[in-house]
Amino acid sequence: MTTQHTDPMAGFDNLVHAPNRLRICALLDTAGEAEFGVLQEQLGLSASVLSKHAGALIDAGYVEQRKAVRDTRQRVWLRLTARGKEAYHGHLAALRAIVGE
């Protein structure tokens, strides 16, 4: 009989692990959806840095954006996709396994 050991690193996601992307995922996981400017303010990031990291998450299918006009201005809202939530929560579980929680 063989014993299967689960690899604590199995859920580790290099894309999510980058500090700004991890913070974006954490905020979106809690908020559900957030407007780009609110994310920028909450995370203390420049628009270009947030755009770069959000773009990487969008390209991976972890985040989706919704555009709409509000107060006569184009606004962008971001939210985690089901795949993004799975990646984020898997990454958190891997980090907890690493630190022994």
PDB file of N, CA and C in Angstrom:
ATOM      1  N   MET A   1       0.848  -1.180   0.000  1.00  0.00           N
ATOM      2  CA  MET A   1       0.000   0.000   0.000  1.00  0.00           C
ATOM      3  C   MET A   1       0.891   1.240   0.000  1.00  0.00           C
ATOM      4  N   THR A   2       0.616   2.164  -0.900  1.00  0.00           N
ATOM      5  CA  THR A   2       1.411   3.389  -0.961  1.00  0.00           C
ATOM      6  C   THR A   2       0.677   4.518  -0.269  1.00  0.00           C
ATOM      7  N   THR A   3       1.434   5.327   0.372  1.00  0.00           N
ATOM      8  CA  THR A   3       0.867   6.489   1.045  1.00  0.00           C
ATOM      9  C   THR A   3       1.106   7.708   0.170  1.00  0.00           C
ATOM     10  N   GLN A   4       0.048   8.446  -0.075  1.00  0.00           N
ATOM     11  CA  GLN A   4       0.196   9.661  -0.872  1.00  0.00           C
ATOM     12  C   GLN A   4       0.457  10.835   0.069  1.00  0.00           C
ATOM     13  N   HIS A   5       1.447  11.596  -0.277  1.00  0.00           N
ATOM     14  CA  HIS A   5       1.745  12.809   0.475  1.00  0.00           C
ATOM     15  C   HIS A   5       1.385  13.984  -0.409  1.00  0.00           C
ATOM     16  N   THR A   6       0.660  14.916   0.147  1.00  0.00           N
ATOM     17  CA  THR A   6       0.334  16.091  -0.648  1.00  0.00           C
ATOM     18  C   THR A   6       1.495  17.066  -0.548  1.00  0.00           C
ATOM     19  N   ASP A   7       1.844  17.607  -1.664  1.00  0.00           N
ATOM     20  CA  ASP A   7       2.942  18.556  -1.740  1.00  0.00           C
ATOM     21  C   ASP A   7       2.448  19.923  -1.273  1.00  0.00           C
ATOM     22  N   PRO A   8       3.016  20.458  -0.169  1.00  0.00           N
ATOM     23  CA  PRO A   8       2.558  21.754   0.324  1.00  0.00           C
ATOM     24  C   PRO A   8       2.793  22.871  -0.688  1.00  0.00           C
ATOM     25  N   MET A   9       3.682  22.625  -1.636  1.00  0.00           N
ATOM     26  CA  MET A   9       3.976  23.656  -2.640  1.00  0.00           C
ATOM     27  C   MET A   9       3.051  23.544  -3.855  1.00  0.00           C
ATOM     28  N   ALA A  10       2.176  22.549  -3.869  1.00  0.00           N
ATOM     29  CA  ALA A  10       1.323  22.306  -5.035  1.00  0.00           C
ATOM     30  C   ALA A  10       0.502  23.540  -5.415  1.00  0.00           C
ATOM     31  N   GLY A  11       0.041  24.295  -4.454  1.00  0.00           N
ATOM     32  CA  GLY A  11      -0.782  25.464  -4.748  1.00  0.00           C
ATOM     33  C   GLY A  11       0.003  26.749  -4.903  1.00  0.00           C
ATOM     34  N   PHE A  12       1.317  26.672  -4.704  1.00  0.00           N
ATOM     35  CA  PHE A  12       2.141  27.874  -4.802  1.00  0.00           C
ATOM     36  C   PHE A  12       2.061  28.427  -6.220  1.00  0.00           C
ATOM     37  N   ASP A  13       1.753  29.698  -6.350  1.00  0.00           N
ATOM     38  CA  ASP A  13       1.556  30.317  -7.656  1.00  0.00           C
ATOM     39  C   ASP A  13       2.499  31.513  -7.783  1.00  0.00           C
ATOM     40  N   ASN A  14       3.502  31.385  -8.638  1.00  0.00           N
ATOM     41  CA  ASN A  14       4.478  32.468  -8.807  1.00  0.00           C
ATOM     42  C   ASN A  14       3.844  33.766  -9.275  1.00  0.00           C
ATOM     43  N   LEU A  15       2.793  33.682 -10.074  1.00  0.00           N
ATOM     44  CA  LEU A  15       2.137  34.893 -10.549  1.00  0.00           C
ATOM     45  C   LEU A  15       1.471  35.628  -9.397  1.00  0.00           C
ATOM     46  N   VAL A  16       0.764  34.904  -8.562  1.00  0.00           N
ATOM     47  CA  VAL A  16       0.072  35.506  -7.416  1.00  0.00           C
ATOM     48  C   VAL A  16       1.064  35.960  -6.355  1.00  0.00           C
ATOM     49  N   HIS A  17       2.198  35.285  -6.244  1.00  0.00           N
ATOM     50  CA  HIS A  17       3.146  35.523  -5.154  1.00  0.00           C
ATOM     51  C   HIS A  17       3.771  36.921  -5.153  1.00  0.00           C
ATOM     52  N   ALA A  18       3.899  37.548  -6.306  1.00  0.00           N
ATOM     53  CA  ALA A  18       4.488  38.899  -6.337  1.00  0.00           C
ATOM     54  C   ALA A  18       3.698  39.792  -5.383  1.00  0.00           C
ATOM     55  N   PRO A  19       4.387  40.526  -4.509  1.00  0.00           N
ATOM     56  CA  PRO A  19       3.690  41.266  -3.443  1.00  0.00           C
ATOM     57  C   PRO A  19       2.509  42.118  -3.907  1.00  0.00           C
ATOM     58  N   ASN A  20       2.659  42.904  -4.951  1.00  0.00           N
ATOM     59  CA  ASN A  20       1.539  43.743  -5.379  1.00  0.00           C
ATOM     60  C   ASN A  20       0.380  42.919  -5.920  1.00  0.00           C
ATOM     61  N   ARG A  21       0.687  41.834  -6.635  1.00  0.00           N
ATOM     62  CA  ARG A  21      -0.396  40.984  -7.148  1.00  0.00           C
ATOM     63  C   ARG A  21      -1.082  40.238  -6.013  1.00  0.00           C
ATOM     64  N   LEU A  22      -0.329  39.824  -5.007  1.00  0.00           N
ATOM     65  CA  LEU A  22      -0.914  39.170  -3.843  1.00  0.00           C
ATOM     66  C   LEU A  22      -1.860  40.138  -3.127  1.00  0.00           C
ATOM     67  N   ARG A  23      -1.453  41.383  -2.987  1.00  0.00           N
ATOM     68  CA  ARG A  23      -2.291  42.398  -2.340  1.00  0.00           C
ATOM     69  C   ARG A  23      -3.539  42.693  -3.168  1.00  0.00           C
ATOM     70  N   ILE A  24      -3.404  42.730  -4.491  1.00  0.00           N
ATOM     71  CA  ILE A  24      -4.564  42.950  -5.365  1.00  0.00           C
ATOM     72  C   ILE A  24      -5.560  41.804  -5.176  1.00  0.00           C
ATOM     73  N   CYS A  25      -5.061  40.580  -5.213  1.00  0.00           N
ATOM     74  CA  CYS A  25      -5.931  39.412  -5.036  1.00  0.00           C
ATOM     75  C   CYS A  25      -6.613  39.436  -3.673  1.00  0.00           C
ATOM     76  N   ALA A  26      -5.873  39.775  -2.635  1.00  0.00           N
ATOM     77  CA  ALA A  26      -6.437  39.815  -1.282  1.00  0.00           C
ATOM     78  C   ALA A  26      -7.560  40.842  -1.197  1.00  0.00           C
ATOM     79  N   LEU A  27      -7.337  42.008  -1.756  1.00  0.00           N
ATOM     80  CA  LEU A  27      -8.362  43.050  -1.701  1.00  0.00           C
ATOM     81  C   LEU A  27      -9.586  42.649  -2.513  1.00  0.00           C
ATOM     82  N   LEU A  28      -9.366  42.106  -3.702  1.00  0.00           N
ATOM     83  CA  LEU A  28     -10.505  41.704  -4.534  1.00  0.00           C
ATOM     84  C   LEU A  28     -11.242  40.516  -3.933  1.00  0.00           C
ATOM     85  N   ASP A  29     -10.531  39.619  -3.269  1.00  0.00           N
ATOM     86  CA  ASP A  29     -11.181  38.481  -2.618  1.00  0.00           C
ATOM     87  C   ASP A  29     -12.128  38.963  -1.529  1.00  0.00           C
ATOM     88  N   THR A  30     -11.713  39.987  -0.816  1.00  0.00           N
ATOM     89  CA  THR A  30     -12.530  40.543   0.263  1.00  0.00           C
ATOM     90  C   THR A  30     -13.659  41.415  -0.279  1.00  0.00           C
ATOM     91  N   ALA A  31     -13.344  42.267  -1.245  1.00  0.00           N
ATOM     92  CA  ALA A  31     -14.310  43.247  -1.746  1.00  0.00           C
ATOM     93  C   ALA A  31     -15.282  42.655  -2.766  1.00  0.00           C
ATOM     94  N   GLY A  32     -14.877  41.618  -3.456  1.00  0.00           N
ATOM     95  CA  GLY A  32     -15.696  41.082  -4.532  1.00  0.00           C
ATOM     96  C   GLY A  32     -15.397  41.784  -5.846  1.00  0.00           C
ATOM     97  N   GLU A  33     -15.559  43.079  -5.859  1.00  0.00           N
ATOM     98  CA  GLU A  33     -15.264  43.892  -7.033  1.00  0.00           C
ATOM     99  C   GLU A  33     -14.832  45.267  -6.528  1.00  0.00           C
ATOM    100  N   ALA A  34     -13.892  45.881  -7.213  1.00  0.00           N
ATOM    101  CA  ALA A  34     -13.421  47.198  -6.796  1.00  0.00           C
ATOM    102  C   ALA A  34     -13.084  48.033  -8.020  1.00  0.00           C
ATOM    103  N   GLU A  35     -13.372  49.312  -7.915  1.00  0.00           N
ATOM    104  CA  GLU A  35     -13.048  50.248  -8.989  1.00  0.00           C
ATOM    105  C   GLU A  35     -11.541  50.500  -8.978  1.00  0.00           C
ATOM    106  N   PHE A  36     -10.960  50.642 -10.156  1.00  0.00           N
ATOM    107  CA  PHE A  36      -9.515  50.792 -10.315  1.00  0.00           C
ATOM    108  C   PHE A  36      -8.959  51.869  -9.384  1.00  0.00           C
ATOM    109  N   GLY A  37      -9.592  53.033  -9.358  1.00  0.00           N
ATOM    110  CA  GLY A  37      -9.115  54.136  -8.520  1.00  0.00           C
ATOM    111  C   GLY A  37      -9.149  53.809  -7.034  1.00  0.00           C
ATOM    112  N   VAL A  38     -10.146  53.052  -6.616  1.00  0.00           N
ATOM    113  CA  VAL A  38     -10.241  52.635  -5.210  1.00  0.00           C
ATOM    114  C   VAL A  38      -9.115  51.665  -4.881  1.00  0.00           C
ATOM    115  N   LEU A  39      -8.880  50.714  -5.773  1.00  0.00           N
ATOM    116  CA  LEU A  39      -7.755  49.791  -5.576  1.00  0.00           C
ATOM    117  C   LEU A  39      -6.444  50.562  -5.478  1.00  0.00           C
ATOM    118  N   GLN A  40      -6.273  51.491  -6.384  1.00  0.00           N
ATOM    119  CA  GLN A  40      -5.041  52.292  -6.417  1.00  0.00           C
ATOM    120  C   GLN A  40      -4.845  53.011  -5.085  1.00  0.00           C
ATOM    121  N   GLU A  41      -5.909  53.609  -4.579  1.00  0.00           N
ATOM    122  CA  GLU A  41      -5.829  54.344  -3.314  1.00  0.00           C
ATOM    123  C   GLU A  41      -5.585  53.406  -2.132  1.00  0.00           C
ATOM    124  N   GLN A  42      -6.334  52.308  -2.077  1.00  0.00           N
ATOM    125  CA  GLN A  42      -6.210  51.360  -0.965  1.00  0.00           C
ATOM    126  C   GLN A  42      -4.827  50.728  -0.891  1.00  0.00           C
ATOM    127  N   LEU A  43      -4.247  50.450  -2.067  1.00  0.00           N
ATOM    128  CA  LEU A  43      -2.954  49.778  -2.108  1.00  0.00           C
ATOM    129  C   LEU A  43      -1.774  50.736  -2.157  1.00  0.00           C
ATOM    130  N   GLY A  44      -2.051  52.025  -2.354  1.00  0.00           N
ATOM    131  CA  GLY A  44      -0.981  53.017  -2.407  1.00  0.00           C
ATOM    132  C   GLY A  44      -0.073  52.833  -3.610  1.00  0.00           C
ATOM    133  N   LEU A  45      -0.657  52.455  -4.742  1.00  0.00           N
ATOM    134  CA  LEU A  45       0.120  52.212  -5.956  1.00  0.00           C
ATOM    135  C   LEU A  45      -0.157  53.282  -7.001  1.00  0.00           C
ATOM    136  N   SER A  46       0.830  53.540  -7.844  1.00  0.00           N
ATOM    137  CA  SER A  46       0.598  54.434  -8.974  1.00  0.00           C
ATOM    138  C   SER A  46      -0.313  53.716  -9.961  1.00  0.00           C
ATOM    139  N   ALA A  47      -0.953  54.480 -10.816  1.00  0.00           N
ATOM    140  CA  ALA A  47      -1.840  53.886 -11.825  1.00  0.00           C
ATOM    141  C   ALA A  47      -1.065  52.935 -12.730  1.00  0.00           C
ATOM    142  N   SER A  48       0.166  53.305 -13.087  1.00  0.00           N
ATOM    143  CA  SER A  48       0.935  52.460 -13.999  1.00  0.00           C
ATOM    144  C   SER A  48       1.335  51.133 -13.342  1.00  0.00           C
ATOM    145  N   VAL A  49       1.704  51.164 -12.068  1.00  0.00           N
ATOM    146  CA  VAL A  49       2.080  49.933 -11.370  1.00  0.00           C
ATOM    147  C   VAL A  49       0.856  49.031 -11.199  1.00  0.00           C
ATOM    148  N   LEU A  50      -0.268  49.615 -10.793  1.00  0.00           N
ATOM    149  CA  LEU A  50      -1.484  48.825 -10.642  1.00  0.00           C
ATOM    150  C   LEU A  50      -1.906  48.242 -11.990  1.00  0.00           C
ATOM    151  N   SER A  51      -1.832  49.040 -13.028  1.00  0.00           N
ATOM    152  CA  SER A  51      -2.214  48.584 -14.359  1.00  0.00           C
ATOM    153  C   SER A  51      -1.342  47.413 -14.817  1.00  0.00           C
ATOM    154  N   LYS A  52      -0.040  47.511 -14.570  1.00  0.00           N
ATOM    155  CA  LYS A  52       0.896  46.445 -14.954  1.00  0.00           C
ATOM    156  C   LYS A  52       0.554  45.140 -14.247  1.00  0.00           C
ATOM    157  N   HIS A  53       0.350  45.189 -12.940  1.00  0.00           N
ATOM    158  CA  HIS A  53       0.077  43.976 -12.169  1.00  0.00           C
ATOM    159  C   HIS A  53      -1.329  43.439 -12.443  1.00  0.00           C
ATOM    160  N   ALA A  54      -2.299  44.332 -12.560  1.00  0.00           N
ATOM    161  CA  ALA A  54      -3.652  43.888 -12.895  1.00  0.00           C
ATOM    162  C   ALA A  54      -3.654  43.256 -14.282  1.00  0.00           C
ATOM    163  N   GLY A  55      -2.899  43.827 -15.211  1.00  0.00           N
ATOM    164  CA  GLY A  55      -2.809  43.279 -16.558  1.00  0.00           C
ATOM    165  C   GLY A  55      -2.263  41.864 -16.565  1.00  0.00           C
ATOM    166  N   ALA A  56      -1.261  41.599 -15.740  1.00  0.00           N
ATOM    167  CA  ALA A  56      -0.703  40.243 -15.646  1.00  0.00           C
ATOM    168  C   ALA A  56      -1.751  39.266 -15.117  1.00  0.00           C
ATOM    169  N   LEU A  57      -2.537  39.704 -14.130  1.00  0.00           N
ATOM    170  CA  LEU A  57      -3.586  38.849 -13.573  1.00  0.00           C
ATOM    171  C   LEU A  57      -4.725  38.642 -14.575  1.00  0.00           C
ATOM    172  N   ILE A  58      -5.028  39.670 -15.343  1.00  0.00           N
ATOM    173  CA  ILE A  58      -6.060  39.561 -16.383  1.00  0.00           C
ATOM    174  C   ILE A  58      -5.596  38.598 -17.471  1.00  0.00           C
ATOM    175  N   ASP A  59      -4.349  38.741 -17.893  1.00  0.00           N
ATOM    176  CA  ASP A  59      -3.799  37.863 -18.939  1.00  0.00           C
ATOM    177  C   ASP A  59      -3.832  36.398 -18.518  1.00  0.00           C
ATOM    178  N   ALA A  60      -3.665  36.140 -17.226  1.00  0.00           N
ATOM    179  CA  ALA A  60      -3.678  34.769 -16.712  1.00  0.00           C
ATOM    180  C   ALA A  60      -5.098  34.243 -16.504  1.00  0.00           C
ATOM    181  N   GLY A  61      -6.087  35.119 -16.652  1.00  0.00           N
ATOM    182  CA  GLY A  61      -7.469  34.711 -16.429  1.00  0.00           C
ATOM    183  C   GLY A  61      -7.869  34.731 -14.965  1.00  0.00           C
ATOM    184  N   TYR A  62      -7.061  35.371 -14.119  1.00  0.00           N
ATOM    185  CA  TYR A  62      -7.334  35.432 -12.682  1.00  0.00           C
ATOM    186  C   TYR A  62      -8.234  36.613 -12.311  1.00  0.00           C
ATOM    187  N   VAL A  63      -8.199  37.650 -13.115  1.00  0.00           N
ATOM    188  CA  VAL A  63      -8.976  38.867 -12.848  1.00  0.00           C
ATOM    189  C   VAL A  63      -9.687  39.238 -14.137  1.00  0.00           C
ATOM    190  N   GLU A  64     -10.894  39.755 -13.991  1.00  0.00           N
ATOM    191  CA  GLU A  64     -11.587  40.300 -15.152  1.00  0.00           C
ATOM    192  C   GLU A  64     -11.965  41.737 -14.858  1.00  0.00           C
ATOM    193  N   GLN A  65     -12.090  42.487 -15.921  1.00  0.00           N
ATOM    194  CA  GLN A  65     -12.440  43.892 -15.755  1.00  0.00           C
ATOM    195  C   GLN A  65     -13.781  44.181 -16.402  1.00  0.00           C
ATOM    196  N   ARG A  66     -14.455  45.159 -15.846  1.00  0.00           N
ATOM    197  CA  ARG A  66     -15.727  45.628 -16.364  1.00  0.00           C
ATOM    198  C   ARG A  66     -15.599  47.133 -16.520  1.00  0.00           C
ATOM    199  N   LYS A  67     -15.925  47.609 -17.711  1.00  0.00           N
ATOM    200  CA  LYS A  67     -15.833  49.043 -17.969  1.00  0.00           C
ATOM    201  C   LYS A  67     -17.227  49.622 -18.084  1.00  0.00           C
ATOM    202  N   ALA A  68     -17.394  50.801 -17.533  1.00  0.00           N
ATOM    203  CA  ALA A  68     -18.675  51.494 -17.619  1.00  0.00           C
ATOM    204  C   ALA A  68     -18.432  52.985 -17.432  1.00  0.00           C
ATOM    205  N   VAL A  69     -19.375  53.766 -17.897  1.00  0.00           N
ATOM    206  CA  VAL A  69     -19.278  55.218 -17.713  1.00  0.00           C
ATOM    207  C   VAL A  69     -20.029  55.569 -16.438  1.00  0.00           C
ATOM    208  N   ARG A  70     -19.357  56.319 -15.590  1.00  0.00           N
ATOM    209  CA  ARG A  70     -19.960  56.797 -14.348  1.00  0.00           C
ATOM    210  C   ARG A  70     -19.512  58.230 -14.152  1.00  0.00           C
ATOM    211  N   ASP A  71     -20.422  59.105 -13.844  1.00  0.00           N
ATOM    212  CA  ASP A  71     -20.108  60.534 -13.678  1.00  0.00           C
ATOM    213  C   ASP A  71     -19.410  61.067 -14.929  1.00  0.00           C
ATOM    214  N   THR A  72     -19.890  60.666 -16.082  1.00  0.00           N
ATOM    215  CA  THR A  72     -19.372  61.064 -17.402  1.00  0.00           C
ATOM    216  C   THR A  72     -17.936  60.608 -17.669  1.00  0.00           C
ATOM    217  N   ARG A  73     -17.400  59.761 -16.819  1.00  0.00           N
ATOM    218  CA  ARG A  73     -16.035  59.256 -17.022  1.00  0.00           C
ATOM    219  C   ARG A  73     -16.042  57.749 -17.150  1.00  0.00           C
ATOM    220  N   GLN A  74     -15.146  57.249 -17.976  1.00  0.00           N
ATOM    221  CA  GLN A  74     -14.968  55.798 -18.114  1.00  0.00           C
ATOM    222  C   GLN A  74     -14.333  55.271 -16.837  1.00  0.00           C
ATOM    223  N   ARG A  75     -14.965  54.272 -16.247  1.00  0.00           N
ATOM    224  CA  ARG A  75     -14.436  53.650 -15.032  1.00  0.00           C
ATOM    225  C   ARG A  75     -14.179  52.178 -15.303  1.00  0.00           C
ATOM    226  N   VAL A  76     -13.238  51.615 -14.581  1.00  0.00           N
ATOM    227  CA  VAL A  76     -12.899  50.202 -14.715  1.00  0.00           C
ATOM    228  C   VAL A  76     -13.029  49.555 -13.332  1.00  0.00           C
ATOM    229  N   TRP A  77     -13.769  48.467 -13.291  1.00  0.00           N
ATOM    230  CA  TRP A  77     -13.895  47.679 -12.068  1.00  0.00           C
ATOM    231  C   TRP A  77     -13.202  46.347 -12.297  1.00  0.00           C
ATOM    232  N   LEU A  78     -12.555  45.860 -11.265  1.00  0.00           N
ATOM    233  CA  LEU A  78     -11.848  44.585 -11.337  1.00  0.00           C
ATOM    234  C   LEU A  78     -12.448  43.616 -10.333  1.00  0.00           C
ATOM    235  N   ARG A  79     -12.427  42.328 -10.703  1.00  0.00           N
ATOM    236  CA  ARG A  79     -12.853  41.290  -9.762  1.00  0.00           C
ATOM    237  C   ARG A  79     -12.120  40.002 -10.082  1.00  0.00           C
ATOM    238  N   LEU A  80     -11.953  39.171  -9.051  1.00  0.00           N
ATOM    239  CA  LEU A  80     -11.333  37.862  -9.247  1.00  0.00           C
ATOM    240  C   LEU A  80     -12.298  36.954  -9.998  1.00  0.00           C
ATOM    241  N   THR A  81     -11.780  36.172 -10.910  1.00  0.00           N
ATOM    242  CA  THR A  81     -12.569  35.141 -11.569  1.00  0.00           C
ATOM    243  C   THR A  81     -12.568  33.906 -10.667  1.00  0.00           C
ATOM    244  N   ALA A  82     -13.363  32.907 -11.017  1.00  0.00           N
ATOM    245  CA  ALA A  82     -13.347  31.649 -10.251  1.00  0.00           C
ATOM    246  C   ALA A  82     -11.938  31.050 -10.275  1.00  0.00           C
ATOM    247  N   ARG A  83     -11.292  31.119 -11.428  1.00  0.00           N
ATOM    248  CA  ARG A  83      -9.919  30.615 -11.544  1.00  0.00           C
ATOM    249  C   ARG A  83      -8.965  31.420 -10.663  1.00  0.00           C
ATOM    250  N   GLY A  84      -9.180  32.725 -10.607  1.00  0.00           N
ATOM    251  CA  GLY A  84      -8.355  33.590  -9.769  1.00  0.00           C
ATOM    252  C   GLY A  84      -8.536  33.304  -8.290  1.00  0.00           C
ATOM    253  N   LYS A  85      -9.785  33.085  -7.877  1.00  0.00           N
ATOM    254  CA  LYS A  85     -10.038  32.741  -6.470  1.00  0.00           C
ATOM    255  C   LYS A  85      -9.365  31.424  -6.116  1.00  0.00           C
ATOM    256  N   GLU A  86      -9.471  30.455  -7.022  1.00  0.00           N
ATOM    257  CA  GLU A  86      -8.838  29.155  -6.782  1.00  0.00           C
ATOM    258  C   GLU A  86      -7.324  29.300  -6.655  1.00  0.00           C
ATOM    259  N   ALA A  87      -6.720  30.080  -7.552  1.00  0.00           N
ATOM    260  CA  ALA A  87      -5.274  30.300  -7.512  1.00  0.00           C
ATOM    261  C   ALA A  87      -4.863  31.027  -6.236  1.00  0.00           C
ATOM    262  N   TYR A  88      -5.610  32.070  -5.874  1.00  0.00           N
ATOM    263  CA  TYR A  88      -5.302  32.854  -4.675  1.00  0.00           C
ATOM    264  C   TYR A  88      -5.418  31.998  -3.411  1.00  0.00           C
ATOM    265  N   HIS A  89      -6.516  31.273  -3.273  1.00  0.00           N
ATOM    266  CA  HIS A  89      -6.710  30.452  -2.079  1.00  0.00           C
ATOM    267  C   HIS A  89      -5.722  29.286  -2.034  1.00  0.00           C
ATOM    268  N   GLY A  90      -5.395  28.719  -3.185  1.00  0.00           N
ATOM    269  CA  GLY A  90      -4.377  27.671  -3.239  1.00  0.00           C
ATOM    270  C   GLY A  90      -3.019  28.203  -2.824  1.00  0.00           C
ATOM    271  N   HIS A  91      -2.727  29.428  -3.254  1.00  0.00           N
ATOM    272  CA  HIS A  91      -1.450  30.044  -2.890  1.00  0.00           C
ATOM    273  C   HIS A  91      -1.396  30.311  -1.384  1.00  0.00           C
ATOM    274  N   LEU A  92      -2.482  30.824  -0.823  1.00  0.00           N
ATOM    275  CA  LEU A  92      -2.524  31.048   0.630  1.00  0.00           C
ATOM    276  C   LEU A  92      -2.312  29.746   1.388  1.00  0.00           C
ATOM    277  N   ALA A  93      -2.938  28.666   0.926  1.00  0.00           N
ATOM    278  CA  ALA A  93      -2.785  27.362   1.587  1.00  0.00           C
ATOM    279  C   ALA A  93      -1.325  26.906   1.509  1.00  0.00           C
ATOM    280  N   ALA A  94      -0.684  27.132   0.364  1.00  0.00           N
ATOM    281  CA  ALA A  94       0.727  26.755   0.217  1.00  0.00           C
ATOM    282  C   ALA A  94       1.597  27.575   1.175  1.00  0.00           C
ATOM    283  N   LEU A  95       1.322  28.871   1.282  1.00  0.00           N
ATOM    284  CA  LEU A  95       2.094  29.705   2.210  1.00  0.00           C
ATOM    285  C   LEU A  95       1.900  29.260   3.642  1.00  0.00           C
ATOM    286  N   ARG A  96       0.657  28.920   4.006  1.00  0.00           N
ATOM    287  CA  ARG A  96       0.395  28.438   5.368  1.00  0.00           C
ATOM    288  C   ARG A  96       1.145  27.135   5.627  1.00  0.00           C
ATOM    289  N   ALA A  97       1.196  26.246   4.629  1.00  0.00           N
ATOM    290  CA  ALA A  97       1.910  24.978   4.785  1.00  0.00           C
ATOM    291  C   ALA A  97       3.406  25.223   4.958  1.00  0.00           C
ATOM    292  N   ILE A  98       3.924  26.207   4.251  1.00  0.00           N
ATOM    293  CA  ILE A  98       5.354  26.532   4.351  1.00  0.00           C
ATOM    294  C   ILE A  98       5.706  27.005   5.765  1.00  0.00           C
ATOM    295  N   VAL A  99       4.852  27.851   6.333  1.00  0.00           N
ATOM    296  CA  VAL A  99       5.134  28.395   7.659  1.00  0.00           C
ATOM    297  C   VAL A  99       4.604  27.508   8.790  1.00  0.00           C
ATOM    298  N   GLY A 100       3.956  26.408   8.419  1.00  0.00           N
ATOM    299  CA  GLY A 100       3.522  25.444   9.416  1.00  0.00           C
ATOM    300  C   GLY A 100       2.247  25.774  10.154  1.00  0.00           C
ATOM    301  N   GLU A 101       1.368  26.549   9.521  1.00  0.00           N
ATOM    302  CA  GLU A 101       0.070  26.859  10.161  1.00  0.00           C
ATOM    303  C   GLU A 101      -0.900  25.735   9.961  1.00  0.00           C
TER     304      GLU A 101
END
